Amino acid sequence: MYWILAVAKVRYFDSKISEMRSIYKMSFNDFKHRIEEQKGVEVFEEWDDFIIWDSYESARSYWAKVETRLKGNEE
């Protein structure tokens, strides 16, 4: 039953990740590469979005692991 909460969290972060993909028209890894390769003037808004997007990816990964662990305990 508790795994349902984890599923909701995964879906929430999936939607946030989807928003970022829509804004930048690329995957997180491509965006990360773009940020890391910037030379000269930094675009602070993009750095802010990078930090936010990275946190979404990390949180999604965490909750997916929690979901898997909780599903295994309920069987």
PDB file of N, CA and C in Angstrom:
ATOM      1  N   MET A   1       0.811  -1.192   0.000  1.00  0.00           N
ATOM      2  CA  MET A   1       0.000   0.000   0.000  1.00  0.00           C
ATOM      3  C   MET A   1       0.865   1.271   0.000  1.00  0.00           C
ATOM      4  N   TYR A   2       1.939   1.302   0.801  1.00  0.00           N
ATOM      5  CA  TYR A   2       2.790   2.500   0.850  1.00  0.00           C
ATOM      6  C   TYR A   2       3.496   2.757  -0.472  1.00  0.00           C
ATOM      7  N   TRP A   3       3.670   1.692  -1.274  1.00  0.00           N
ATOM      8  CA  TRP A   3       4.353   1.876  -2.552  1.00  0.00           C
ATOM      9  C   TRP A   3       3.558   2.806  -3.469  1.00  0.00           C
ATOM     10  N   ILE A   4       2.241   2.917  -3.231  1.00  0.00           N
ATOM     11  CA  ILE A   4       1.411   3.811  -4.048  1.00  0.00           C
ATOM     12  C   ILE A   4       1.873   5.262  -3.867  1.00  0.00           C
ATOM     13  N   LEU A   5       2.280   5.615  -2.662  1.00  0.00           N
ATOM     14  CA  LEU A   5       2.806   6.965  -2.427  1.00  0.00           C
ATOM     15  C   LEU A   5       4.090   7.190  -3.213  1.00  0.00           C
ATOM     16  N   ALA A   6       4.924   6.168  -3.267  1.00  0.00           N
ATOM     17  CA  ALA A   6       6.165   6.265  -4.034  1.00  0.00           C
ATOM     18  C   ALA A   6       5.857   6.406  -5.527  1.00  0.00           C
ATOM     19  N   VAL A   7       4.848   5.677  -5.999  1.00  0.00           N
ATOM     20  CA  VAL A   7       4.443   5.785  -7.402  1.00  0.00           C
ATOM     21  C   VAL A   7       4.009   7.217  -7.708  1.00  0.00           C
ATOM     22  N   ALA A   8       3.254   7.808  -6.794  1.00  0.00           N
ATOM     23  CA  ALA A   8       2.801   9.195  -6.978  1.00  0.00           C
ATOM     24  C   ALA A   8       3.988  10.149  -7.056  1.00  0.00           C
ATOM     25  N   LYS A   9       4.980   9.922  -6.231  1.00  0.00           N
ATOM     26  CA  LYS A   9       6.189  10.767  -6.260  1.00  0.00           C
ATOM     27  C   LYS A   9       6.920  10.616  -7.593  1.00  0.00           C
ATOM     28  N   VAL A  10       7.060   9.377  -8.062  1.00  0.00           N
ATOM     29  CA  VAL A  10       7.729   9.133  -9.345  1.00  0.00           C
ATOM     30  C   VAL A  10       6.984   9.857 -10.458  1.00  0.00           C
ATOM     31  N   ARG A  11       5.666   9.754 -10.467  1.00  0.00           N
ATOM     32  CA  ARG A  11       4.868  10.431 -11.504  1.00  0.00           C
ATOM     33  C   ARG A  11       5.023  11.952 -11.419  1.00  0.00           C
ATOM     34  N   TYR A  12       5.054  12.473 -10.198  1.00  0.00           N
ATOM     35  CA  TYR A  12       5.234  13.914 -10.019  1.00  0.00           C
ATOM     36  C   TYR A  12       6.562  14.361 -10.642  1.00  0.00           C
ATOM     37  N   PHE A  13       7.639  13.655 -10.306  1.00  0.00           N
ATOM     38  CA  PHE A  13       8.936  14.056 -10.847  1.00  0.00           C
ATOM     39  C   PHE A  13       9.040  13.779 -12.338  1.00  0.00           C
ATOM     40  N   ASP A  14       8.352  12.747 -12.831  1.00  0.00           N
ATOM     41  CA  ASP A  14       8.286  12.538 -14.281  1.00  0.00           C
ATOM     42  C   ASP A  14       7.666  13.744 -14.975  1.00  0.00           C
ATOM     43  N   SER A  15       6.612  14.300 -14.372  1.00  0.00           N
ATOM     44  CA  SER A  15       5.956  15.463 -14.986  1.00  0.00           C
ATOM     45  C   SER A  15       6.870  16.691 -14.956  1.00  0.00           C
ATOM     46  N   LYS A  16       7.603  16.874 -13.864  1.00  0.00           N
ATOM     47  CA  LYS A  16       8.532  18.001 -13.777  1.00  0.00           C
ATOM     48  C   LYS A  16       9.671  17.847 -14.791  1.00  0.00           C
ATOM     49  N   ILE A  17      10.170  16.638 -14.941  1.00  0.00           N
ATOM     50  CA  ILE A  17      11.229  16.360 -15.921  1.00  0.00           C
ATOM     51  C   ILE A  17      10.710  16.604 -17.330  1.00  0.00           C
ATOM     52  N   SER A  18       9.489  16.189 -17.576  1.00  0.00           N
ATOM     53  CA  SER A  18       8.877  16.407 -18.885  1.00  0.00           C
ATOM     54  C   SER A  18       8.758  17.899 -19.201  1.00  0.00           C
ATOM     55  N   GLU A  19       8.423  18.693 -18.199  1.00  0.00           N
ATOM     56  CA  GLU A  19       8.361  20.150 -18.391  1.00  0.00           C
ATOM     57  C   GLU A  19       9.718  20.700 -18.813  1.00  0.00           C
ATOM     58  N   MET A  20      10.768  20.241 -18.164  1.00  0.00           N
ATOM     59  CA  MET A  20      12.115  20.729 -18.491  1.00  0.00           C
ATOM     60  C   MET A  20      12.516  20.286 -19.900  1.00  0.00           C
ATOM     61  N   ARG A  21      12.189  19.042 -20.251  1.00  0.00           N
ATOM     62  CA  ARG A  21      12.489  18.573 -21.617  1.00  0.00           C
ATOM     63  C   ARG A  21      11.768  19.417 -22.644  1.00  0.00           C
ATOM     64  N   SER A  22      10.542  19.791 -22.329  1.00  0.00           N
ATOM     65  CA  SER A  22       9.747  20.601 -23.241  1.00  0.00           C
ATOM     66  C   SER A  22      10.343  22.001 -23.397  1.00  0.00           C
ATOM     67  N   ILE A  23      10.788  22.577 -22.311  1.00  0.00           N
ATOM     68  CA  ILE A  23      11.382  23.921 -22.357  1.00  0.00           C
ATOM     69  C   ILE A  23      12.653  23.927 -23.195  1.00  0.00           C
ATOM     70  N   TYR A  24      13.540  22.958 -22.958  1.00  0.00           N
ATOM     71  CA  TYR A  24      14.856  22.959 -23.601  1.00  0.00           C
ATOM     72  C   TYR A  24      14.949  22.055 -24.821  1.00  0.00           C
ATOM     73  N   LYS A  25      13.910  21.292 -25.090  1.00  0.00           N
ATOM     74  CA  LYS A  25      13.860  20.428 -26.277  1.00  0.00           C
ATOM     75  C   LYS A  25      15.054  19.475 -26.352  1.00  0.00           C
ATOM     76  N   MET A  26      15.419  18.921 -25.173  1.00  0.00           N
ATOM     77  CA  MET A  26      16.521  17.963 -25.108  1.00  0.00           C
ATOM     78  C   MET A  26      16.429  17.168 -23.810  1.00  0.00           C
ATOM     79  N   SER A  27      17.209  16.107 -23.752  1.00  0.00           N
ATOM     80  CA  SER A  27      17.263  15.286 -22.538  1.00  0.00           C
ATOM     81  C   SER A  27      18.117  15.984 -21.482  1.00  0.00           C
ATOM     82  N   PHE A  28      18.036  15.480 -20.258  1.00  0.00           N
ATOM     83  CA  PHE A  28      18.856  16.042 -19.187  1.00  0.00           C
ATOM     84  C   PHE A  28      20.340  15.893 -19.503  1.00  0.00           C
ATOM     85  N   ASN A  29      20.742  14.730 -19.985  1.00  0.00           N
ATOM     86  CA  ASN A  29      22.165  14.517 -20.285  1.00  0.00           C
ATOM     87  C   ASN A  29      22.673  15.478 -21.354  1.00  0.00           C
ATOM     88  N   ASP A  30      21.844  15.726 -22.368  1.00  0.00           N
ATOM     89  CA  ASP A  30      22.238  16.695 -23.398  1.00  0.00           C
ATOM     90  C   ASP A  30      22.330  18.104 -22.813  1.00  0.00           C
ATOM     91  N   PHE A  31      21.373  18.449 -21.952  1.00  0.00           N
ATOM     92  CA  PHE A  31      21.385  19.769 -21.320  1.00  0.00           C
ATOM     93  C   PHE A  31      22.600  19.915 -20.407  1.00  0.00           C
ATOM     94  N   LYS A  32      22.901  18.874 -19.657  1.00  0.00           N
ATOM     95  CA  LYS A  32      24.077  18.884 -18.774  1.00  0.00           C
ATOM     96  C   LYS A  32      25.350  19.116 -19.589  1.00  0.00           C
ATOM     97  N   HIS A  33      25.464  18.410 -20.707  1.00  0.00           N
ATOM     98  CA  HIS A  33      26.626  18.568 -21.578  1.00  0.00           C
ATOM     99  C   HIS A  33      26.705  20.011 -22.096  1.00  0.00           C
ATOM    100  N   ARG A  34      25.574  20.561 -22.483  1.00  0.00           N
ATOM    101  CA  ARG A  34      25.533  21.944 -22.973  1.00  0.00           C
ATOM    102  C   ARG A  34      26.008  22.924 -21.896  1.00  0.00           C
ATOM    103  N   ILE A  35      25.548  22.730 -20.676  1.00  0.00           N
ATOM    104  CA  ILE A  35      25.945  23.606 -19.566  1.00  0.00           C
ATOM    105  C   ILE A  35      27.443  23.470 -19.287  1.00  0.00           C
ATOM    106  N   GLU A  36      27.918  22.234 -19.257  1.00  0.00           N
ATOM    107  CA  GLU A  36      29.330  21.991 -18.945  1.00  0.00           C
ATOM    108  C   GLU A  36      30.262  22.518 -20.028  1.00  0.00           C
ATOM    109  N   GLU A  37      29.771  22.593 -21.248  1.00  0.00           N
ATOM    110  CA  GLU A  37      30.611  23.031 -22.367  1.00  0.00           C
ATOM    111  C   GLU A  37      30.559  24.539 -22.598  1.00  0.00           C
ATOM    112  N   GLN A  38      29.741  25.261 -21.844  1.00  0.00           N
ATOM    113  CA  GLN A  38      29.633  26.707 -22.045  1.00  0.00           C
ATOM    114  C   GLN A  38      30.969  27.383 -21.765  1.00  0.00           C
ATOM    115  N   LYS A  39      31.327  28.278 -22.641  1.00  0.00           N
ATOM    116  CA  LYS A  39      32.550  29.055 -22.488  1.00  0.00           C
ATOM    117  C   LYS A  39      32.172  30.530 -22.519  1.00  0.00           C
ATOM    118  N   GLY A  40      32.886  31.320 -21.766  1.00  0.00           N
ATOM    119  CA  GLY A  40      32.613  32.753 -21.770  1.00  0.00           C
ATOM    120  C   GLY A  40      31.474  33.111 -20.841  1.00  0.00           C
ATOM    121  N   VAL A  41      30.478  33.772 -21.372  1.00  0.00           N
ATOM    122  CA  VAL A  41      29.354  34.263 -20.585  1.00  0.00           C
ATOM    123  C   VAL A  41      28.446  33.109 -20.172  1.00  0.00           C
ATOM    124  N   GLU A  42      28.185  33.035 -18.872  1.00  0.00           N
ATOM    125  CA  GLU A  42      27.271  32.014 -18.367  1.00  0.00           C
ATOM    126  C   GLU A  42      25.857  32.566 -18.371  1.00  0.00           C
ATOM    127  N   VAL A  43      24.917  31.697 -18.680  1.00  0.00           N
ATOM    128  CA  VAL A  43      23.506  32.070 -18.634  1.00  0.00           C
ATOM    129  C   VAL A  43      22.975  31.563 -17.298  1.00  0.00           C
ATOM    130  N   PHE A  44      22.820  32.486 -16.358  1.00  0.00           N
ATOM    131  CA  PHE A  44      22.475  32.093 -14.995  1.00  0.00           C
ATOM    132  C   PHE A  44      21.124  31.404 -14.900  1.00  0.00           C
ATOM    133  N   GLU A  45      20.185  31.807 -15.732  1.00  0.00           N
ATOM    134  CA  GLU A  45      18.870  31.154 -15.737  1.00  0.00           C
ATOM    135  C   GLU A  45      19.008  29.677 -16.109  1.00  0.00           C
ATOM    136  N   GLU A  46      19.876  29.388 -17.070  1.00  0.00           N
ATOM    137  CA  GLU A  46      20.104  27.992 -17.460  1.00  0.00           C
ATOM    138  C   GLU A  46      20.800  27.223 -16.340  1.00  0.00           C
ATOM    139  N   TRP A  47      21.731  27.856 -15.641  1.00  0.00           N
ATOM    140  CA  TRP A  47      22.387  27.190 -14.508  1.00  0.00           C
ATOM    141  C   TRP A  47      21.364  26.885 -13.414  1.00  0.00           C
ATOM    142  N   ASP A  48      20.480  27.844 -13.156  1.00  0.00           N
ATOM    143  CA  ASP A  48      19.414  27.607 -12.177  1.00  0.00           C
ATOM    144  C   ASP A  48      18.548  26.423 -12.595  1.00  0.00           C
ATOM    145  N   ASP A  49      18.163  26.402 -13.870  1.00  0.00           N
ATOM    146  CA  ASP A  49      17.347  25.290 -14.372  1.00  0.00           C
ATOM    147  C   ASP A  49      18.110  23.972 -14.322  1.00  0.00           C
ATOM    148  N   PHE A  50      19.408  24.029 -14.571  1.00  0.00           N
ATOM    149  CA  PHE A  50      20.221  22.813 -14.484  1.00  0.00           C
ATOM    150  C   PHE A  50      20.182  22.237 -13.065  1.00  0.00           C
ATOM    151  N   ILE A  51      20.337  23.092 -12.085  1.00  0.00           N
ATOM    152  CA  ILE A  51      20.312  22.640 -10.683  1.00  0.00           C
ATOM    153  C   ILE A  51      18.941  22.057 -10.337  1.00  0.00           C
ATOM    154  N   ILE A  52      17.893  22.731 -10.766  1.00  0.00           N
ATOM    155  CA  ILE A  52      16.542  22.247 -10.507  1.00  0.00           C
ATOM    156  C   ILE A  52      16.304  20.914 -11.212  1.00  0.00           C
ATOM    157  N   TRP A  53      16.658  20.835 -12.487  1.00  0.00           N
ATOM    158  CA  TRP A  53      16.444  19.621 -13.272  1.00  0.00           C
ATOM    159  C   TRP A  53      17.229  18.458 -12.679  1.00  0.00           C
ATOM    160  N   ASP A  54      18.459  18.724 -12.275  1.00  0.00           N
ATOM    161  CA  ASP A  54      19.276  17.694 -11.639  1.00  0.00           C
ATOM    162  C   ASP A  54      18.592  17.175 -10.372  1.00  0.00           C
ATOM    163  N   SER A  55      17.996  18.061  -9.602  1.00  0.00           N
ATOM    164  CA  SER A  55      17.299  17.630  -8.381  1.00  0.00           C
ATOM    165  C   SER A  55      16.072  16.793  -8.726  1.00  0.00           C
ATOM    166  N   TYR A  56      15.371  17.137  -9.808  1.00  0.00           N
ATOM    167  CA  TYR A  56      14.233  16.317 -10.244  1.00  0.00           C
ATOM    168  C   TYR A  56      14.695  14.912 -10.620  1.00  0.00           C
ATOM    169  N   GLU A  57      15.784  14.837 -11.370  1.00  0.00           N
ATOM    170  CA  GLU A  57      16.306  13.530 -11.793  1.00  0.00           C
ATOM    171  C   GLU A  57      16.723  12.698 -10.576  1.00  0.00           C
ATOM    172  N   SER A  58      17.395  13.317  -9.624  1.00  0.00           N
ATOM    173  CA  SER A  58      17.839  12.610  -8.416  1.00  0.00           C
ATOM    174  C   SER A  58      16.653  12.135  -7.586  1.00  0.00           C
ATOM    175  N   ALA A  59      15.674  13.012  -7.416  1.00  0.00           N
ATOM    176  CA  ALA A  59      14.497  12.646  -6.625  1.00  0.00           C
ATOM    177  C   ALA A  59      13.703  11.539  -7.304  1.00  0.00           C
ATOM    178  N   ARG A  60      13.580  11.602  -8.619  1.00  0.00           N
ATOM    179  CA  ARG A  60      12.861  10.552  -9.342  1.00  0.00           C
ATOM    180  C   ARG A  60      13.554   9.206  -9.164  1.00  0.00           C
ATOM    181  N   SER A  61      14.860   9.205  -9.275  1.00  0.00           N
ATOM    182  CA  SER A  61      15.636   7.986  -9.097  1.00  0.00           C
ATOM    183  C   SER A  61      15.448   7.427  -7.687  1.00  0.00           C
ATOM    184  N   TYR A  62      15.507   8.288  -6.688  1.00  0.00           N
ATOM    185  CA  TYR A  62      15.319   7.866  -5.298  1.00  0.00           C
ATOM    186  C   TYR A  62      13.952   7.220  -5.102  1.00  0.00           C
ATOM    187  N   TRP A  63      12.893   7.891  -5.563  1.00  0.00           N
ATOM    188  CA  TRP A  63      11.541   7.374  -5.351  1.00  0.00           C
ATOM    189  C   TRP A  63      11.273   6.116  -6.161  1.00  0.00           C
ATOM    190  N   ALA A  64      11.901   5.980  -7.318  1.00  0.00           N
ATOM    191  CA  ALA A  64      11.760   4.740  -8.096  1.00  0.00           C
ATOM    192  C   ALA A  64      12.367   3.571  -7.326  1.00  0.00           C
ATOM    193  N   LYS A  65      13.488   3.799  -6.661  1.00  0.00           N
ATOM    194  CA  LYS A  65      14.105   2.750  -5.842  1.00  0.00           C
ATOM    195  C   LYS A  65      13.234   2.417  -4.639  1.00  0.00           C
ATOM    196  N   VAL A  66      12.655   3.440  -4.019  1.00  0.00           N
ATOM    197  CA  VAL A  66      11.751   3.215  -2.887  1.00  0.00           C
ATOM    198  C   VAL A  66      10.551   2.396  -3.351  1.00  0.00           C
ATOM    199  N   GLU A  67       9.994   2.757  -4.485  1.00  0.00           N
ATOM    200  CA  GLU A  67       8.852   2.021  -5.040  1.00  0.00           C
ATOM    201  C   GLU A  67       9.193   0.546  -5.235  1.00  0.00           C
ATOM    202  N   THR A  68      10.318   0.276  -5.846  1.00  0.00           N
ATOM    203  CA  THR A  68      10.749  -1.097  -6.083  1.00  0.00           C
ATOM    204  C   THR A  68      10.909  -1.854  -4.768  1.00  0.00           C
ATOM    205  N   ARG A  69      11.552  -1.208  -3.808  1.00  0.00           N
ATOM    206  CA  ARG A  69      11.774  -1.852  -2.507  1.00  0.00           C
ATOM    207  C   ARG A  69      10.445  -2.145  -1.789  1.00  0.00           C
ATOM    208  N   LEU A  70       9.533  -1.183  -1.824  1.00  0.00           N
ATOM    209  CA  LEU A  70       8.255  -1.366  -1.144  1.00  0.00           C
ATOM    210  C   LEU A  70       7.376  -2.403  -1.834  1.00  0.00           C
ATOM    211  N   LYS A  71       7.396  -2.439  -3.148  1.00  0.00           N
ATOM    212  CA  LYS A  71       6.639  -3.453  -3.879  1.00  0.00           C
ATOM    213  C   LYS A  71       7.134  -4.844  -3.518  1.00  0.00           C
ATOM    214  N   GLY A  72       8.445  -4.980  -3.402  1.00  0.00           N
ATOM    215  CA  GLY A  72       9.045  -6.268  -3.051  1.00  0.00           C
ATOM    216  C   GLY A  72       8.641  -6.720  -1.672  1.00  0.00           C
ATOM    217  N   ASN A  73       8.454  -5.794  -0.746  1.00  0.00           N
ATOM    218  CA  ASN A  73       8.066  -6.129   0.622  1.00  0.00           C
ATOM    219  C   ASN A  73       6.612  -6.524   0.749  1.00  0.00           C
ATOM    220  N   GLU A  74       5.778  -6.119  -0.222  1.00  0.00           N
ATOM    221  CA  GLU A  74       4.355  -6.412  -0.123  1.00  0.00           C
ATOM    222  C   GLU A  74       3.975  -7.742  -0.763  1.00  0.00           C
ATOM    223  N   GLU A  75       4.880  -8.321  -1.503  1.00  0.00           N
ATOM    224  CA  GLU A  75       4.559  -9.592  -2.197  1.00  0.00           C
ATOM    225  C   GLU A  75       4.590 -10.760  -1.239  1.00  0.00           C
TER     226      GLU A  75
END
